[in-house]
Amino acid sequence: MPMGISIALNIISAFIGIAFFASLITAINPRWTWRTFEKWKATEEPTDAYFKVRRIVGLVFAIITGAIWAVPTVVSWF
C-alpha cells in the first residue's frame, strides 16, 4: 500500500475513533455532554425526553462508528 494512502487511512481511523468515543460518552451521560457543550445556548434545561433521545442517538452512533472502526481489523482476518 502506498505511503500516502496509509497515512490517510490512519487519519480517517483516528477521526472515527474520536467520533466513537464522543458518541459513547453521550450515550453514557447525555446530561454532562449537554452541560459541557450546549448549556450556553439555553435559557433552561431540556426535558427528560430530550436526554433519552440523546442517549439513544449516542448509542446508535457508537454502534455505527464502532462497526466502521472495526471493519479493517475484521477484513484482515480473512
C-alpha atoms as a PDB file:
ATOM      1  CA  MET A   1       0.000   0.000   0.000  1.00  0.00           C
ATOM      2  CA  PRO A   2       1.424   3.407  -0.929  1.00  0.00           C
ATOM      3  CA  MET A   3       2.580   5.604   1.928  1.00  0.00           C
ATOM      4  CA  GLY A   4       0.079   8.419   1.244  1.00  0.00           C
ATOM      5  CA  ILE A   5      -2.904   6.069   1.348  1.00  0.00           C
ATOM      6  CA  SER A   6      -1.656   4.522   4.574  1.00  0.00           C
ATOM      7  CA  ILE A   7      -1.345   7.928   6.245  1.00  0.00           C
ATOM      8  CA  ALA A   8      -4.794   8.971   5.024  1.00  0.00           C
ATOM      9  CA  LEU A   9      -6.353   5.779   6.373  1.00  0.00           C
ATOM     10  CA  ASN A  10      -4.687   6.326   9.753  1.00  0.00           C
ATOM     11  CA  ILE A  11      -6.054   9.873   9.920  1.00  0.00           C
ATOM     12  CA  ILE A  12      -9.558   8.686   8.980  1.00  0.00           C
ATOM     13  CA  SER A  13      -9.322   5.926  11.578  1.00  0.00           C
ATOM     14  CA  ALA A  14      -8.359   8.472  14.233  1.00  0.00           C
ATOM     15  CA  PHE A  15     -11.388  10.653  13.425  1.00  0.00           C
ATOM     16  CA  ILE A  16     -13.696   7.640  13.509  1.00  0.00           C
ATOM     17  CA  GLY A  17     -12.217   6.663  16.884  1.00  0.00           C
ATOM     18  CA  ILE A  18     -12.841  10.150  18.253  1.00  0.00           C
ATOM     19  CA  ALA A  19     -16.435  10.044  16.964  1.00  0.00           C
ATOM     20  CA  PHE A  20     -16.893   6.614  18.566  1.00  0.00           C
ATOM     21  CA  PHE A  21     -15.741   7.749  21.993  1.00  0.00           C
ATOM     22  CA  ALA A  22     -17.706  11.013  21.791  1.00  0.00           C
ATOM     23  CA  SER A  23     -20.905   9.148  20.947  1.00  0.00           C
ATOM     24  CA  LEU A  24     -20.189   6.605  23.686  1.00  0.00           C
ATOM     25  CA  ILE A  25     -19.811   9.396  26.239  1.00  0.00           C
ATOM     26  CA  THR A  26     -23.093  10.904  25.017  1.00  0.00           C
ATOM     27  CA  ALA A  27     -24.807   7.518  25.380  1.00  0.00           C
ATOM     28  CA  ILE A  28     -23.463   7.069  28.901  1.00  0.00           C
ATOM     29  CA  ASN A  29     -24.044  10.579  30.254  1.00  0.00           C
ATOM     30  CA  PRO A  30     -26.107  12.856  27.984  1.00  0.00           C
ATOM     31  CA  ARG A  31     -26.656  15.474  30.715  1.00  0.00           C
ATOM     32  CA  TRP A  32     -22.909  16.013  31.095  1.00  0.00           C
ATOM     33  CA  THR A  33     -22.411  16.444  27.351  1.00  0.00           C
ATOM     34  CA  TRP A  34     -25.339  18.887  27.231  1.00  0.00           C
ATOM     35  CA  ARG A  35     -23.949  20.925  30.149  1.00  0.00           C
ATOM     36  CA  THR A  36     -20.465  20.890  28.625  1.00  0.00           C
ATOM     37  CA  PHE A  37     -21.283  21.735  25.011  1.00  0.00           C
ATOM     38  CA  GLU A  38     -24.765  23.245  24.768  1.00  0.00           C
ATOM     39  CA  LYS A  39     -25.793  24.855  28.060  1.00  0.00           C
ATOM     40  CA  TRP A  40     -24.502  28.244  26.968  1.00  0.00           C
ATOM     41  CA  LYS A  41     -27.189  28.357  24.239  1.00  0.00           C
ATOM     42  CA  ALA A  42     -30.145  27.546  26.500  1.00  0.00           C
ATOM     43  CA  THR A  43     -32.254  29.552  28.933  1.00  0.00           C
ATOM     44  CA  GLU A  44     -33.472  26.424  30.763  1.00  0.00           C
ATOM     45  CA  GLU A  45     -32.614  22.738  30.968  1.00  0.00           C
ATOM     46  CA  PRO A  46     -34.312  20.448  28.416  1.00  0.00           C
ATOM     47  CA  THR A  47     -36.854  17.792  29.321  1.00  0.00           C
ATOM     48  CA  ASP A  48     -36.038  14.213  30.260  1.00  0.00           C
ATOM     49  CA  ALA A  49     -37.319  13.068  26.860  1.00  0.00           C
ATOM     50  CA  TYR A  50     -34.586  15.154  25.194  1.00  0.00           C
ATOM     51  CA  PHE A  51     -31.910  13.364  27.199  1.00  0.00           C
ATOM     52  CA  LYS A  52     -33.438   9.946  26.462  1.00  0.00           C
ATOM     53  CA  VAL A  53     -33.350  10.702  22.738  1.00  0.00           C
ATOM     54  CA  ARG A  54     -29.750  11.921  23.035  1.00  0.00           C
ATOM     55  CA  ARG A  55     -28.837   8.687  24.806  1.00  0.00           C
ATOM     56  CA  ILE A  56     -30.449   6.563  22.078  1.00  0.00           C
ATOM     57  CA  VAL A  57     -28.827   8.572  19.284  1.00  0.00           C
ATOM     58  CA  GLY A  58     -25.452   8.346  21.042  1.00  0.00           C
ATOM     59  CA  LEU A  59     -25.824   4.590  21.338  1.00  0.00           C
ATOM     60  CA  VAL A  60     -26.782   4.223  17.664  1.00  0.00           C
ATOM     61  CA  PHE A  61     -23.814   6.325  16.545  1.00  0.00           C
ATOM     62  CA  ALA A  62     -21.498   4.391  18.875  1.00  0.00           C
ATOM     63  CA  ILE A  63     -22.627   1.134  17.274  1.00  0.00           C
ATOM     64  CA  ILE A  64     -22.252   2.501  13.734  1.00  0.00           C
ATOM     65  CA  THR A  65     -18.851   4.111  14.273  1.00  0.00           C
ATOM     66  CA  GLY A  66     -17.633   1.088  16.232  1.00  0.00           C
ATOM     67  CA  ALA A  67     -18.588  -1.179  13.353  1.00  0.00           C
ATOM     68  CA  ILE A  68     -16.901   1.098  10.811  1.00  0.00           C
ATOM     69  CA  TRP A  69     -13.828   1.338  13.012  1.00  0.00           C
ATOM     70  CA  ALA A  70     -13.639  -2.476  13.338  1.00  0.00           C
ATOM     71  CA  VAL A  71     -14.010  -3.264   9.611  1.00  0.00           C
ATOM     72  CA  PRO A  72     -10.271  -3.128   8.763  1.00  0.00           C
ATOM     73  CA  THR A  73      -9.467  -5.499  11.611  1.00  0.00           C
ATOM     74  CA  VAL A  74     -12.213  -7.952  10.692  1.00  0.00           C
ATOM     75  CA  VAL A  75     -11.303  -7.857   6.991  1.00  0.00           C
ATOM     76  CA  SER A  76      -7.638  -8.550   7.793  1.00  0.00           C
ATOM     77  CA  TRP A  77      -8.647 -11.834   9.479  1.00  0.00           C
ATOM     78  CA  PHE A  78      -9.844 -13.256   6.164  1.00  0.00           C
END
